[in-house]
């Protein structure tokens, strides 16, 4: 078995880095959607949601950097073009959304998609004894599950 400088299985690390690039791409699209929601939100909930969307996109920006750095740690190369992101993205694109309910629903749908990708990576990284990636996915998942709960509470669900 061939191992990386981190002592991880090389083949499994390549697969994890590839899947992290899928997550990175989806986070980039999610981040840009959050920026648009922040800029375009209107209505009685403007002040509340404008601030919340900024909080979410700042958090996403930090996660994007963590994901890219993890890919590099695994000796991969993080994707960095919008064409690559678009080709791999599964999260919905929030284009010209100003309605509060529609905006929050797209965030819930996006986070659900991100969770799906993260759970795949969590399972793979556990199988590969890749504690660094596994820990990062666990942290992301716990935080995003709570955000979904809060967003659904805001929606009255």
Protein backbone atom coordinates (compact mmCIF):
# COMPACT_ATOMS: atom_id res chain seq x y z
CA UNK A 1 0.00 0.00 0.00
CA UNK A 2 1.33 3.40 -0.99
CA UNK A 3 0.92 6.15 1.62
CA UNK A 4 1.11 9.93 1.60
CA UNK A 5 3.44 12.05 3.70
CA UNK A 6 0.55 12.15 6.22
CA UNK A 7 0.54 8.35 6.43
CA UNK A 8 -2.78 8.06 4.59
CA UNK A 9 -3.58 5.68 1.78
CA UNK A 10 -2.61 7.55 -1.41
CA UNK A 11 -5.48 6.24 -3.50
CA UNK A 12 -8.06 7.11 -0.85
CA UNK A 13 -6.55 10.58 -0.40
CA UNK A 14 -6.85 11.26 -4.13
CA UNK A 15 -10.54 10.25 -3.97
CA UNK A 16 -11.14 12.41 -0.90
CA UNK A 17 -9.45 15.41 -2.53
CA UNK A 18 -11.64 14.92 -5.61
CA UNK A 19 -14.78 14.82 -3.49
CA UNK A 20 -13.61 17.85 -1.50
CA UNK A 21 -13.35 19.67 -4.83
CA UNK A 22 -17.01 18.82 -5.46
CA UNK A 23 -17.83 20.26 -2.03
CA UNK A 24 -15.66 23.31 -2.76
CA UNK A 25 -17.52 23.91 -6.02
CA UNK A 26 -20.89 23.66 -4.32
CA UNK A 27 -19.80 25.99 -1.54
CA UNK A 28 -18.61 28.55 -4.09
CA UNK A 29 -21.99 28.56 -5.82
CA UNK A 30 -23.78 28.65 -2.45
CA UNK A 31 -21.57 31.56 -1.36
CA UNK A 32 -22.37 33.56 -4.48
CA UNK A 33 -26.07 32.83 -4.05
CA UNK A 34 -25.88 34.12 -0.48
CA UNK A 35 -24.26 37.32 -1.73
CA UNK A 36 -27.12 37.80 -4.17
CA UNK A 37 -29.71 37.11 -1.50
CA UNK A 38 -28.01 39.61 0.81
CA UNK A 39 -28.02 42.29 -1.89
CA UNK A 40 -31.52 41.67 -3.22
CA UNK A 41 -33.67 40.87 -0.17
CA UNK A 42 -36.71 43.15 0.27
CA UNK A 43 -39.71 43.42 2.52
CA UNK A 44 -40.53 43.56 6.20
CA UNK A 45 -37.79 41.08 7.10
CA UNK A 46 -35.08 43.00 5.24
CA UNK A 47 -33.05 44.09 8.29
CA UNK A 48 -33.13 40.66 9.94
CA UNK A 49 -32.33 38.68 6.79
CA UNK A 50 -29.80 41.11 5.33
CA UNK A 51 -27.66 40.63 8.44
CA UNK A 52 -28.28 36.85 8.56
CA UNK A 53 -27.29 36.37 4.92
CA UNK A 54 -24.08 38.31 5.52
CA UNK A 55 -23.32 36.06 8.50
CA UNK A 56 -23.90 33.00 6.33
CA UNK A 57 -21.75 34.16 3.43
CA UNK A 58 -18.91 35.14 5.76
CA UNK A 59 -19.08 31.67 7.31
CA UNK A 60 -19.13 30.09 3.84
CA UNK A 61 -16.10 32.09 2.81
CA UNK A 62 -14.19 30.66 5.80
CA UNK A 63 -15.33 27.13 4.98
CA UNK A 64 -14.28 27.55 1.34
CA UNK A 65 -10.77 28.38 2.50
CA UNK A 66 -10.71 25.43 4.90
CA UNK A 67 -11.83 23.04 2.16
CA UNK A 68 -9.24 24.33 -0.32
CA UNK A 69 -6.50 24.07 2.29
CA UNK A 70 -7.56 20.52 3.16
CA UNK A 71 -7.35 19.58 -0.54
CA UNK A 72 -3.81 20.99 -0.59
CA UNK A 73 -2.96 19.14 2.65
CA UNK A 74 -4.00 15.92 0.91
CA UNK A 75 -1.64 16.89 -1.93
CA UNK A 76 -4.47 17.71 -4.32
CA UNK A 77 -5.20 20.90 -6.23
CA UNK A 78 -8.28 22.94 -5.38
CA UNK A 79 -10.44 23.96 -8.30
CA UNK A 80 -10.57 27.70 -8.81
CA UNK A 81 -12.58 28.62 -11.88
CA UNK A 82 -16.27 29.37 -12.15
CA UNK A 83 -16.52 26.99 -15.11
CA UNK A 84 -15.28 24.13 -12.91
CA UNK A 85 -17.59 25.14 -10.07
CA UNK A 86 -20.62 25.35 -12.35
CA UNK A 87 -19.95 21.95 -13.87
CA UNK A 88 -19.86 20.25 -10.45
CA UNK A 89 -22.45 22.26 -8.53
CA UNK A 90 -25.64 20.61 -7.35
CA UNK A 91 -26.85 23.41 -5.07
CA UNK A 92 -29.59 25.62 -6.49
CA UNK A 93 -28.57 29.00 -7.84
CA UNK A 94 -30.39 31.92 -6.21
CA UNK A 95 -30.88 34.34 -9.09
CA UNK A 96 -32.83 37.58 -8.59
CA UNK A 97 -34.56 36.41 -5.43
CA UNK A 98 -35.91 39.19 -3.22
CA UNK A 99 -38.74 37.35 -1.44
CA UNK A 100 -37.91 36.39 2.15
CA UNK A 101 -39.59 32.97 2.16
CA UNK A 102 -38.12 31.98 -1.19
CA UNK A 103 -34.67 33.13 -0.03
CA UNK A 104 -34.77 31.10 3.18
CA UNK A 105 -36.10 28.04 1.36
CA UNK A 106 -33.22 28.14 -1.14
CA UNK A 107 -30.77 28.29 1.76
CA UNK A 108 -32.38 25.23 3.36
CA UNK A 109 -32.25 23.38 0.02
CA UNK A 110 -28.63 24.38 -0.51
CA UNK A 111 -27.59 23.31 2.96
CA UNK A 112 -29.38 19.98 2.48
CA UNK A 113 -27.37 19.39 -0.69
CA UNK A 114 -24.12 20.36 1.03
CA UNK A 115 -24.94 17.95 3.88
CA UNK A 116 -25.43 15.15 1.39
CA UNK A 117 -21.97 15.74 -0.10
CA UNK A 118 -20.38 16.14 3.33
CA UNK A 119 -21.84 12.87 4.58
CA UNK A 120 -20.28 11.03 1.65
CA UNK A 121 -16.92 12.61 2.44
CA UNK A 122 -17.40 11.85 6.16
CA UNK A 123 -17.91 8.17 5.39
CA UNK A 124 -14.94 8.04 3.00
CA UNK A 125 -12.62 9.89 5.33
CA UNK A 126 -13.61 7.61 8.21
CA UNK A 127 -12.84 4.57 6.08
CA UNK A 128 -9.47 6.10 5.15
CA UNK A 129 -8.55 6.97 8.77
CA UNK A 130 -8.33 10.59 7.60
CA UNK A 131 -9.14 12.28 10.90
CA UNK A 132 -8.41 15.79 9.58
CA UNK A 133 -11.05 15.59 6.86
CA UNK A 134 -13.40 13.58 9.06
CA UNK A 135 -13.29 16.15 11.86
CA UNK A 136 -13.86 19.01 9.44
CA UNK A 137 -16.91 17.29 7.92
CA UNK A 138 -18.32 16.49 11.37
CA UNK A 139 -18.02 20.14 12.38
CA UNK A 140 -19.62 21.36 9.14
CA UNK A 141 -22.48 18.87 9.43
CA UNK A 142 -23.34 19.73 13.03
CA UNK A 143 -23.37 23.45 12.29
CA UNK A 144 -25.40 23.15 9.10
CA UNK A 145 -27.97 20.85 10.67
CA UNK A 146 -28.56 23.51 13.32
CA UNK A 147 -28.84 26.22 10.66
CA UNK A 148 -31.42 24.16 8.77
CA UNK A 149 -33.42 23.72 11.98
CA UNK A 150 -33.33 27.47 12.62
CA UNK A 151 -34.26 28.35 9.04
CA UNK A 152 -37.13 25.88 9.10
CA UNK A 153 -38.27 27.37 12.43
CA UNK A 154 -38.24 30.81 10.79
CA UNK A 155 -40.34 29.34 7.96
CA UNK A 156 -42.77 27.92 10.54
CA UNK A 157 -42.00 24.29 9.66
